[in-house]
Amino acid sequence: MTVLKTLQTAWQKAPTTEAPVANEPLEHETKNVATPSELFQILANCEQKKCPGTALLAKAKDMRWPLLAVVSSCFTDVTPIACLTVWLEITAARYYFPTRE
């Protein structure tokens, strides 16, 4: 519920021409990987791994993209608390350190 409320708040605050911050990776860190086709490519790549949920969590941390942590909770090789922890870590880092370079 916390994740959904945060995403809903981000959608409401975001300008109509841009995607919400909580739902897209930071451009300077991911080199424009925010397109839906890229999202599905990431999911497909992680699904081929032995532990897809763990791979997706690692990718979420690497890309600083909290949505990937939420999606990783669909896999049985990770616990919901691990997914929530990664989501909170990424979200808090964006809130407290918005322009890390």
PDB file of N, CA and C in Angstrom:
ATOM      1  N   MET A   1       0.821  -1.192   0.000  1.00  0.00           N
ATOM      2  CA  MET A   1       0.000   0.000   0.000  1.00  0.00           C
ATOM      3  C   MET A   1       0.869   1.262   0.000  1.00  0.00           C
ATOM      4  N   THR A   2       1.974   1.237   0.739  1.00  0.00           N
ATOM      5  CA  THR A   2       2.868   2.390   0.776  1.00  0.00           C
ATOM      6  C   THR A   2       3.428   2.683  -0.606  1.00  0.00           C
ATOM      7  N   VAL A   3       3.840   1.650  -1.317  1.00  0.00           N
ATOM      8  CA  VAL A   3       4.390   1.824  -2.664  1.00  0.00           C
ATOM      9  C   VAL A   3       3.340   2.427  -3.577  1.00  0.00           C
ATOM     10  N   LEU A   4       2.134   1.881  -3.553  1.00  0.00           N
ATOM     11  CA  LEU A   4       1.074   2.385  -4.424  1.00  0.00           C
ATOM     12  C   LEU A   4       0.700   3.827  -4.105  1.00  0.00           C
ATOM     13  N   LYS A   5       0.653   4.168  -2.828  1.00  0.00           N
ATOM     14  CA  LYS A   5       0.341   5.546  -2.446  1.00  0.00           C
ATOM     15  C   LYS A   5       1.427   6.504  -2.920  1.00  0.00           C
ATOM     16  N   THR A   6       2.681   6.092  -2.811  1.00  0.00           N
ATOM     17  CA  THR A   6       3.783   6.928  -3.262  1.00  0.00           C
ATOM     18  C   THR A   6       3.733   7.131  -4.770  1.00  0.00           C
ATOM     19  N   LEU A   7       3.472   6.059  -5.495  1.00  0.00           N
ATOM     20  CA  LEU A   7       3.375   6.177  -6.944  1.00  0.00           C
ATOM     21  C   LEU A   7       2.203   7.059  -7.342  1.00  0.00           C
ATOM     22  N   GLN A   8       1.067   6.919  -6.652  1.00  0.00           N
ATOM     23  CA  GLN A   8      -0.103   7.740  -6.953  1.00  0.00           C
ATOM     24  C   GLN A   8       0.187   9.209  -6.670  1.00  0.00           C
ATOM     25  N   THR A   9       0.847   9.495  -5.561  1.00  0.00           N
ATOM     26  CA  THR A   9       1.214  10.867  -5.224  1.00  0.00           C
ATOM     27  C   THR A   9       2.159  11.444  -6.264  1.00  0.00           C
ATOM     28  N   ALA A  10       3.115  10.644  -6.713  1.00  0.00           N
ATOM     29  CA  ALA A  10       4.063  11.106  -7.725  1.00  0.00           C
ATOM     30  C   ALA A  10       3.339  11.413  -9.033  1.00  0.00           C
ATOM     31  N   TRP A  11       2.397  10.571  -9.411  1.00  0.00           N
ATOM     32  CA  TRP A  11       1.644  10.814 -10.649  1.00  0.00           C
ATOM     33  C   TRP A  11       0.845  12.103 -10.544  1.00  0.00           C
ATOM     34  N   GLN A  12       0.264  12.363  -9.371  1.00  0.00           N
ATOM     35  CA  GLN A  12      -0.548  13.561  -9.194  1.00  0.00           C
ATOM     36  C   GLN A  12       0.306  14.821  -9.202  1.00  0.00           C
ATOM     37  N   LYS A  13       1.517  14.750  -8.683  1.00  0.00           N
ATOM     38  CA  LYS A  13       2.398  15.913  -8.607  1.00  0.00           C
ATOM     39  C   LYS A  13       3.153  16.157  -9.903  1.00  0.00           C
ATOM     40  N   ALA A  14       3.320  15.120 -10.719  1.00  0.00           N
ATOM     41  CA  ALA A  14       4.124  15.236 -11.943  1.00  0.00           C
ATOM     42  C   ALA A  14       3.389  16.059 -12.995  1.00  0.00           C
ATOM     43  N   PRO A  15       4.131  16.876 -13.765  1.00  0.00           N
ATOM     44  CA  PRO A  15       3.523  17.573 -14.894  1.00  0.00           C
ATOM     45  C   PRO A  15       2.995  16.558 -15.898  1.00  0.00           C
ATOM     46  N   THR A  16       2.012  16.941 -16.667  1.00  0.00           N
ATOM     47  CA  THR A  16       1.375  15.998 -17.586  1.00  0.00           C
ATOM     48  C   THR A  16       2.300  15.555 -18.704  1.00  0.00           C
ATOM     49  N   THR A  17       3.377  16.269 -18.970  1.00  0.00           N
ATOM     50  CA  THR A  17       4.271  15.900 -20.063  1.00  0.00           C
ATOM     51  C   THR A  17       5.415  15.000 -19.627  1.00  0.00           C
ATOM     52  N   GLU A  18       5.560  14.772 -18.329  1.00  0.00           N
ATOM     53  CA  GLU A  18       6.673  13.957 -17.846  1.00  0.00           C
ATOM     54  C   GLU A  18       6.160  12.813 -16.990  1.00  0.00           C
ATOM     55  N   ALA A  19       6.920  11.737 -16.936  1.00  0.00           N
ATOM     56  CA  ALA A  19       6.599  10.625 -16.058  1.00  0.00           C
ATOM     57  C   ALA A  19       7.010  10.998 -14.638  1.00  0.00           C
ATOM     58  N   PRO A  20       6.386  10.408 -13.624  1.00  0.00           N
ATOM     59  CA  PRO A  20       6.720  10.745 -12.248  1.00  0.00           C
ATOM     60  C   PRO A  20       8.113  10.275 -11.856  1.00  0.00           C
ATOM     61  N   VAL A  21       8.715  10.997 -10.937  1.00  0.00           N
ATOM     62  CA  VAL A  21      10.068  10.681 -10.486  1.00  0.00           C
ATOM     63  C   VAL A  21      10.117   9.310  -9.836  1.00  0.00           C
ATOM     64  N   ALA A  22       9.101   8.943  -9.074  1.00  0.00           N
ATOM     65  CA  ALA A  22       9.107   7.665  -8.367  1.00  0.00           C
ATOM     66  C   ALA A  22       9.019   6.477  -9.316  1.00  0.00           C
ATOM     67  N   ASN A  23       8.665   6.732 -10.554  1.00  0.00           N
ATOM     68  CA  ASN A  23       8.418   5.636 -11.467  1.00  0.00           C
ATOM     69  C   ASN A  23       9.458   5.525 -12.581  1.00  0.00           C
ATOM     70  N   GLU A  24      10.386   6.450 -12.680  1.00  0.00           N
ATOM     71  CA  GLU A  24      11.372   6.373 -13.754  1.00  0.00           C
ATOM     72  C   GLU A  24      12.772   6.541 -13.193  1.00  0.00           C
ATOM     73  N   PRO A  25      13.746   5.913 -13.792  1.00  0.00           N
ATOM     74  CA  PRO A  25      15.115   6.026 -13.291  1.00  0.00           C
ATOM     75  C   PRO A  25      15.676   7.415 -13.547  1.00  0.00           C
ATOM     76  N   LEU A  26      16.695   7.757 -12.783  1.00  0.00           N
ATOM     77  CA  LEU A  26      17.345   9.045 -12.970  1.00  0.00           C
ATOM     78  C   LEU A  26      18.112   9.031 -14.281  1.00  0.00           C
ATOM     79  N   GLU A  27      17.899  10.031 -15.128  1.00  0.00           N
ATOM     80  CA  GLU A  27      18.496  10.026 -16.462  1.00  0.00           C
ATOM     81  C   GLU A  27      20.016  10.034 -16.435  1.00  0.00           C
ATOM     82  N   HIS A  28      20.614  10.817 -15.519  1.00  0.00           N
ATOM     83  CA  HIS A  28      22.070  10.891 -15.530  1.00  0.00           C
ATOM     84  C   HIS A  28      22.716   9.596 -15.064  1.00  0.00           C
ATOM     85  N   GLU A  29      21.948   8.719 -14.437  1.00  0.00           N
ATOM     86  CA  GLU A  29      22.515   7.466 -13.964  1.00  0.00           C
ATOM     87  C   GLU A  29      22.201   6.297 -14.881  1.00  0.00           C
ATOM     88  N   THR A  30      21.198   6.421 -15.752  1.00  0.00           N
ATOM     89  CA  THR A  30      20.788   5.270 -16.539  1.00  0.00           C
ATOM     90  C   THR A  30      20.830   5.499 -18.031  1.00  0.00           C
ATOM     91  N   LYS A  31      21.194   6.649 -18.468  1.00  0.00           N
ATOM     92  CA  LYS A  31      21.337   6.934 -19.895  1.00  0.00           C
ATOM     93  C   LYS A  31      20.052   6.652 -20.679  1.00  0.00           C
ATOM     94  N   ASN A  32      18.931   7.235 -20.234  1.00  0.00           N
ATOM     95  CA  ASN A  32      17.640   7.155 -20.936  1.00  0.00           C
ATOM     96  C   ASN A  32      17.093   5.734 -21.069  1.00  0.00           C
ATOM     97  N   VAL A  33      16.952   5.026 -19.974  1.00  0.00           N
ATOM     98  CA  VAL A  33      16.425   3.668 -20.006  1.00  0.00           C
ATOM     99  C   VAL A  33      14.969   3.655 -19.541  1.00  0.00           C
ATOM    100  N   ALA A  34      14.276   4.773 -19.589  1.00  0.00           N
ATOM    101  CA  ALA A  34      12.949   4.872 -19.013  1.00  0.00           C
ATOM    102  C   ALA A  34      11.824   4.494 -19.963  1.00  0.00           C
ATOM    103  N   THR A  35      12.108   4.022 -21.152  1.00  0.00           N
ATOM    104  CA  THR A  35      11.051   3.659 -22.077  1.00  0.00           C
ATOM    105  C   THR A  35      10.474   2.308 -21.708  1.00  0.00           C
ATOM    106  N   PRO A  36       9.180   2.098 -21.965  1.00  0.00           N
ATOM    107  CA  PRO A  36       8.571   0.812 -21.612  1.00  0.00           C
ATOM    108  C   PRO A  36       9.253  -0.386 -22.256  1.00  0.00           C
ATOM    109  N   SER A  37       9.716  -0.261 -23.483  1.00  0.00           N
ATOM    110  CA  SER A  37      10.384  -1.395 -24.130  1.00  0.00           C
ATOM    111  C   SER A  37      11.651  -1.773 -23.375  1.00  0.00           C
ATOM    112  N   GLU A  38      12.355  -0.790 -22.842  1.00  0.00           N
ATOM    113  CA  GLU A  38      13.557  -1.082 -22.047  1.00  0.00           C
ATOM    114  C   GLU A  38      13.181  -1.788 -20.746  1.00  0.00           C
ATOM    115  N   LEU A  39      12.076  -1.378 -20.136  1.00  0.00           N
ATOM    116  CA  LEU A  39      11.615  -2.021 -18.912  1.00  0.00           C
ATOM    117  C   LEU A  39      11.369  -3.502 -19.161  1.00  0.00           C
ATOM    118  N   PHE A  40      10.681  -3.825 -20.241  1.00  0.00           N
ATOM    119  CA  PHE A  40      10.388  -5.221 -20.536  1.00  0.00           C
ATOM    120  C   PHE A  40      11.641  -5.989 -20.945  1.00  0.00           C
ATOM    121  N   GLN A  41      12.595  -5.306 -21.533  1.00  0.00           N
ATOM    122  CA  GLN A  41      13.866  -5.956 -21.862  1.00  0.00           C
ATOM    123  C   GLN A  41      14.618  -6.313 -20.577  1.00  0.00           C
ATOM    124  N   ILE A  42      14.611  -5.404 -19.621  1.00  0.00           N
ATOM    125  CA  ILE A  42      15.256  -5.672 -18.331  1.00  0.00           C
ATOM    126  C   ILE A  42      14.589  -6.858 -17.654  1.00  0.00           C
ATOM    127  N   LEU A  43      13.251  -6.870 -17.656  1.00  0.00           N
ATOM    128  CA  LEU A  43      12.514  -7.981 -17.045  1.00  0.00           C
ATOM    129  C   LEU A  43      12.833  -9.303 -17.741  1.00  0.00           C
ATOM    130  N   ALA A  44      12.869  -9.282 -19.063  1.00  0.00           N
ATOM    131  CA  ALA A  44      13.171 -10.507 -19.812  1.00  0.00           C
ATOM    132  C   ALA A  44      14.575 -11.006 -19.512  1.00  0.00           C
ATOM    133  N   ASN A  45      15.542 -10.100 -19.425  1.00  0.00           N
ATOM    134  CA  ASN A  45      16.918 -10.493 -19.113  1.00  0.00           C
ATOM    135  C   ASN A  45      17.018 -11.098 -17.718  1.00  0.00           C
ATOM    136  N   CYS A  46      16.348 -10.484 -16.750  1.00  0.00           N
ATOM    137  CA  CYS A  46      16.411 -10.990 -15.375  1.00  0.00           C
ATOM    138  C   CYS A  46      15.664 -12.312 -15.230  1.00  0.00           C
ATOM    139  N   GLU A  47      14.592 -12.497 -15.997  1.00  0.00           N
ATOM    140  CA  GLU A  47      13.823 -13.740 -15.935  1.00  0.00           C
ATOM    141  C   GLU A  47      14.632 -14.947 -16.384  1.00  0.00           C
ATOM    142  N   GLN A  48      15.634 -14.739 -17.197  1.00  0.00           N
ATOM    143  CA  GLN A  48      16.462 -15.834 -17.702  1.00  0.00           C
ATOM    144  C   GLN A  48      17.512 -16.277 -16.693  1.00  0.00           C
ATOM    145  N   LYS A  49      17.700 -15.505 -15.637  1.00  0.00           N
ATOM    146  CA  LYS A  49      18.711 -15.840 -14.615  1.00  0.00           C
ATOM    147  C   LYS A  49      18.194 -16.950 -13.707  1.00  0.00           C
ATOM    148  N   LYS A  50      19.107 -17.570 -12.975  1.00  0.00           N
ATOM    149  CA  LYS A  50      18.734 -18.631 -12.042  1.00  0.00           C
ATOM    150  C   LYS A  50      17.848 -18.094 -10.920  1.00  0.00           C
ATOM    151  N   CYS A  51      18.148 -16.891 -10.440  1.00  0.00           N
ATOM    152  CA  CYS A  51      17.355 -16.231  -9.395  1.00  0.00           C
ATOM    153  C   CYS A  51      16.861 -14.893  -9.945  1.00  0.00           C
ATOM    154  N   PRO A  52      15.746 -14.891 -10.663  1.00  0.00           N
ATOM    155  CA  PRO A  52      15.306 -13.676 -11.343  1.00  0.00           C
ATOM    156  C   PRO A  52      14.949 -12.520 -10.408  1.00  0.00           C
ATOM    157  N   GLY A  53      14.348 -12.812  -9.273  1.00  0.00           N
ATOM    158  CA  GLY A  53      13.989 -11.751  -8.329  1.00  0.00           C
ATOM    159  C   GLY A  53      15.214 -11.065  -7.761  1.00  0.00           C
ATOM    160  N   THR A  54      16.207 -11.855  -7.428  1.00  0.00           N
ATOM    161  CA  THR A  54      17.456 -11.306  -6.907  1.00  0.00           C
ATOM    162  C   THR A  54      18.165 -10.469  -7.969  1.00  0.00           C
ATOM    163  N   ALA A  55      18.152 -10.965  -9.207  1.00  0.00           N
ATOM    164  CA  ALA A  55      18.771 -10.217 -10.306  1.00  0.00           C
ATOM    165  C   ALA A  55      18.049  -8.887 -10.529  1.00  0.00           C
ATOM    166  N   LEU A  56      16.736  -8.910 -10.425  1.00  0.00           N
ATOM    167  CA  LEU A  56      15.963  -7.689 -10.621  1.00  0.00           C
ATOM    168  C   LEU A  56      16.190  -6.697  -9.480  1.00  0.00           C
ATOM    169  N   LEU A  57      16.328  -7.203  -8.261  1.00  0.00           N
ATOM    170  CA  LEU A  57      16.649  -6.316  -7.137  1.00  0.00           C
ATOM    171  C   LEU A  57      18.020  -5.673  -7.318  1.00  0.00           C
ATOM    172  N   ALA A  58      18.975  -6.454  -7.782  1.00  0.00           N
ATOM    173  CA  ALA A  58      20.312  -5.906  -8.036  1.00  0.00           C
ATOM    174  C   ALA A  58      20.251  -4.834  -9.121  1.00  0.00           C
ATOM    175  N   LYS A  59      19.456  -5.078 -10.148  1.00  0.00           N
ATOM    176  CA  LYS A  59      19.301  -4.107 -11.232  1.00  0.00           C
ATOM    177  C   LYS A  59      18.608  -2.843 -10.712  1.00  0.00           C
ATOM    178  N   ALA A  60      17.632  -3.009  -9.841  1.00  0.00           N
ATOM    179  CA  ALA A  60      16.938  -1.860  -9.241  1.00  0.00           C
ATOM    180  C   ALA A  60      17.919  -0.981  -8.476  1.00  0.00           C
ATOM    181  N   LYS A  61      18.782  -1.607  -7.695  1.00  0.00           N
ATOM    182  CA  LYS A  61      19.794  -0.848  -6.950  1.00  0.00           C
ATOM    183  C   LYS A  61      20.770  -0.160  -7.894  1.00  0.00           C
ATOM    184  N   ASP A  62      21.215  -0.904  -8.893  1.00  0.00           N
ATOM    185  CA  ASP A  62      22.184  -0.375  -9.843  1.00  0.00           C
ATOM    186  C   ASP A  62      21.620   0.823 -10.608  1.00  0.00           C
ATOM    187  N   MET A  63      20.370   0.711 -11.042  1.00  0.00           N
ATOM    188  CA  MET A  63      19.749   1.770 -11.831  1.00  0.00           C
ATOM    189  C   MET A  63      19.066   2.835 -10.971  1.00  0.00           C
ATOM    190  N   ARG A  64      18.931   2.543  -9.686  1.00  0.00           N
ATOM    191  CA  ARG A  64      18.213   3.425  -8.767  1.00  0.00           C
ATOM    192  C   ARG A  64      16.779   3.653  -9.266  1.00  0.00           C
ATOM    193  N   TRP A  65      16.120   2.540  -9.595  1.00  0.00           N
ATOM    194  CA  TRP A  65      14.771   2.560 -10.144  1.00  0.00           C
ATOM    195  C   TRP A  65      13.861   1.762  -9.216  1.00  0.00           C
ATOM    196  N   PRO A  66      13.126   2.415  -8.317  1.00  0.00           N
ATOM    197  CA  PRO A  66      12.333   1.713  -7.308  1.00  0.00           C
ATOM    198  C   PRO A  66      11.236   0.820  -7.875  1.00  0.00           C
ATOM    199  N   LEU A  67      10.726   1.119  -9.048  1.00  0.00           N
ATOM    200  CA  LEU A  67       9.686   0.283  -9.643  1.00  0.00           C
ATOM    201  C   LEU A  67      10.182  -1.152  -9.855  1.00  0.00           C
ATOM    202  N   LEU A  68      11.443  -1.305 -10.179  1.00  0.00           N
ATOM    203  CA  LEU A  68      11.994  -2.655 -10.365  1.00  0.00           C
ATOM    204  C   LEU A  68      11.963  -3.447  -9.059  1.00  0.00           C
ATOM    205  N   ALA A  69      12.148  -2.779  -7.943  1.00  0.00           N
ATOM    206  CA  ALA A  69      12.082  -3.453  -6.642  1.00  0.00           C
ATOM    207  C   ALA A  69      10.658  -3.931  -6.361  1.00  0.00           C
ATOM    208  N   VAL A  70       9.681  -3.152  -6.780  1.00  0.00           N
ATOM    209  CA  VAL A  70       8.287  -3.549  -6.605  1.00  0.00           C
ATOM    210  C   VAL A  70       7.981  -4.763  -7.473  1.00  0.00           C
ATOM    211  N   VAL A  71       8.403  -4.729  -8.715  1.00  0.00           N
ATOM    212  CA  VAL A  71       8.148  -5.837  -9.640  1.00  0.00           C
ATOM    213  C   VAL A  71       8.873  -7.100  -9.188  1.00  0.00           C
ATOM    214  N   SER A  72      10.031  -6.956  -8.586  1.00  0.00           N
ATOM    215  CA  SER A  72      10.790  -8.132  -8.148  1.00  0.00           C
ATOM    216  C   SER A  72      10.036  -8.941  -7.095  1.00  0.00           C
ATOM    217  N   SER A  73       9.098  -8.311  -6.412  1.00  0.00           N
ATOM    218  CA  SER A  73       8.327  -9.031  -5.394  1.00  0.00           C
ATOM    219  C   SER A  73       7.430 -10.111  -6.001  1.00  0.00           C
ATOM    220  N   CYS A  74       7.269 -10.116  -7.304  1.00  0.00           N
ATOM    221  CA  CYS A  74       6.478 -11.155  -7.987  1.00  0.00           C
ATOM    222  C   CYS A  74       7.231 -12.479  -8.093  1.00  0.00           C
ATOM    223  N   PHE A  75       8.518 -12.463  -7.853  1.00  0.00           N
ATOM    224  CA  PHE A  75       9.327 -13.677  -7.981  1.00  0.00           C
ATOM    225  C   PHE A  75       9.467 -14.359  -6.619  1.00  0.00           C
ATOM    226  N   THR A  76       9.528 -15.687  -6.656  1.00  0.00           N
ATOM    227  CA  THR A  76       9.544 -16.456  -5.402  1.00  0.00           C
ATOM    228  C   THR A  76      10.915 -16.547  -4.743  1.00  0.00           C
ATOM    229  N   ASP A  77      11.975 -16.137  -5.446  1.00  0.00           N
ATOM    230  CA  ASP A  77      13.309 -16.268  -4.861  1.00  0.00           C
ATOM    231  C   ASP A  77      13.682 -15.083  -3.964  1.00  0.00           C
ATOM    232  N   VAL A  78      12.793 -14.111  -3.821  1.00  0.00           N
ATOM    233  CA  VAL A  78      13.046 -12.986  -2.923  1.00  0.00           C
ATOM    234  C   VAL A  78      11.875 -12.842  -1.958  1.00  0.00           C
ATOM    235  N   THR A  79      12.165 -12.299  -0.804  1.00  0.00           N
ATOM    236  CA  THR A  79      11.109 -12.079   0.180  1.00  0.00           C
ATOM    237  C   THR A  79      10.526 -10.678   0.008  1.00  0.00           C
ATOM    238  N   PRO A  80       9.279 -10.507   0.398  1.00  0.00           N
ATOM    239  CA  PRO A  80       8.682  -9.168   0.313  1.00  0.00           C
ATOM    240  C   PRO A  80       9.461  -8.123   1.117  1.00  0.00           C
ATOM    241  N   ILE A  81      10.042  -8.523   2.236  1.00  0.00           N
ATOM    242  CA  ILE A  81      10.801  -7.567   3.054  1.00  0.00           C
ATOM    243  C   ILE A  81      12.072  -7.119   2.336  1.00  0.00           C
ATOM    244  N   ALA A  82      12.693  -8.011   1.572  1.00  0.00           N
ATOM    245  CA  ALA A  82      13.891  -7.635   0.800  1.00  0.00           C
ATOM    246  C   ALA A  82      13.518  -6.620  -0.276  1.00  0.00           C
ATOM    247  N   CYS A  83      12.392  -6.848  -0.934  1.00  0.00           N
ATOM    248  CA  CYS A  83      11.932  -5.926  -1.979  1.00  0.00           C
ATOM    249  C   CYS A  83      11.590  -4.566  -1.379  1.00  0.00           C
ATOM    250  N   LEU A  84      10.904  -4.585  -0.251  1.00  0.00           N
ATOM    251  CA  LEU A  84      10.541  -3.339   0.421  1.00  0.00           C
ATOM    252  C   LEU A  84      11.784  -2.584   0.880  1.00  0.00           C
ATOM    253  N   THR A  85      12.756  -3.303   1.378  1.00  0.00           N
ATOM    254  CA  THR A  85      13.997  -2.674   1.834  1.00  0.00           C
ATOM    255  C   THR A  85      14.714  -1.964   0.689  1.00  0.00           C
ATOM    256  N   VAL A  86      14.815  -2.622  -0.450  1.00  0.00           N
ATOM    257  CA  VAL A  86      15.463  -2.005  -1.613  1.00  0.00           C
ATOM    258  C   VAL A  86      14.652  -0.809  -2.091  1.00  0.00           C
ATOM    259  N   TRP A  87      13.332  -0.964  -2.136  1.00  0.00           N
ATOM    260  CA  TRP A  87      12.477   0.148  -2.553  1.00  0.00           C
ATOM    261  C   TRP A  87      12.661   1.360  -1.635  1.00  0.00           C
ATOM    262  N   LEU A  88      12.665   1.116  -0.327  1.00  0.00           N
ATOM    263  CA  LEU A  88      12.855   2.204   0.633  1.00  0.00           C
ATOM    264  C   LEU A  88      14.237   2.841   0.494  1.00  0.00           C
ATOM    265  N   GLU A  89      15.249   2.025   0.300  1.00  0.00           N
ATOM    266  CA  GLU A  89      16.615   2.527   0.142  1.00  0.00           C
ATOM    267  C   GLU A  89      16.715   3.468  -1.064  1.00  0.00           C
ATOM    268  N   ILE A  90      16.160   3.054  -2.184  1.00  0.00           N
ATOM    269  CA  ILE A  90      16.225   3.866  -3.402  1.00  0.00           C
ATOM    270  C   ILE A  90      15.392   5.133  -3.249  1.00  0.00           C
ATOM    271  N   THR A  91      14.183   4.985  -2.717  1.00  0.00           N
ATOM    272  CA  THR A  91      13.285   6.128  -2.552  1.00  0.00           C
ATOM    273  C   THR A  91      13.862   7.143  -1.571  1.00  0.00           C
ATOM    274  N   ALA A  92      14.412   6.660  -0.472  1.00  0.00           N
ATOM    275  CA  ALA A  92      15.008   7.568   0.513  1.00  0.00           C
ATOM    276  C   ALA A  92      16.223   8.279  -0.061  1.00  0.00           C
ATOM    277  N   ALA A  93      17.033   7.561  -0.826  1.00  0.00           N
ATOM    278  CA  ALA A  93      18.212   8.183  -1.435  1.00  0.00           C
ATOM    279  C   ALA A  93      17.799   9.292  -2.394  1.00  0.00           C
ATOM    280  N   ARG A  94      16.729   9.086  -3.134  1.00  0.00           N
ATOM    281  CA  ARG A  94      16.239  10.132  -4.046  1.00  0.00           C
ATOM    282  C   ARG A  94      15.732  11.337  -3.280  1.00  0.00           C
ATOM    283  N   TYR A  95      15.092  11.072  -2.150  1.00  0.00           N
ATOM    284  CA  TYR A  95      14.526  12.158  -1.354  1.00  0.00           C
ATOM    285  C   TYR A  95      15.627  12.973  -0.673  1.00  0.00           C
ATOM    286  N   TYR A  96      16.590  12.278  -0.079  1.00  0.00           N
ATOM    287  CA  TYR A  96      17.630  12.963   0.685  1.00  0.00           C
ATOM    288  C   TYR A  96      18.822  13.407  -0.156  1.00  0.00           C
ATOM    289  N   PHE A  97      19.063  12.739  -1.278  1.00  0.00           N
ATOM    290  CA  PHE A  97      20.188  13.070  -2.151  1.00  0.00           C
ATOM    291  C   PHE A  97      19.722  13.157  -3.596  1.00  0.00           C
ATOM    292  N   PRO A  98      18.876  14.143  -3.939  1.00  0.00           N
ATOM    293  CA  PRO A  98      18.274  14.171  -5.272  1.00  0.00           C
ATOM    294  C   PRO A  98      19.230  14.388  -6.418  1.00  0.00           C
ATOM    295  N   THR A  99      20.357  15.020  -6.212  1.00  0.00           N
ATOM    296  CA  THR A  99      21.282  15.306  -7.333  1.00  0.00           C
ATOM    297  C   THR A  99      22.670  14.773  -7.031  1.00  0.00           C
ATOM    298  N   ARG A 100      22.755  13.459  -6.865  1.00  0.00           N
ATOM    299  CA  ARG A 100      24.059  12.826  -6.621  1.00  0.00           C
ATOM    300  C   ARG A 100      24.804  12.680  -7.922  1.00  0.00           C
ATOM    301  N   GLU A 101      26.007  13.168  -7.982  1.00  0.00           N
ATOM    302  CA  GLU A 101      26.855  12.985  -9.170  1.00  0.00           C
ATOM    303  C   GLU A 101      28.284  12.849  -8.745  1.00  0.00           C
TER     304      GLU A 101
END
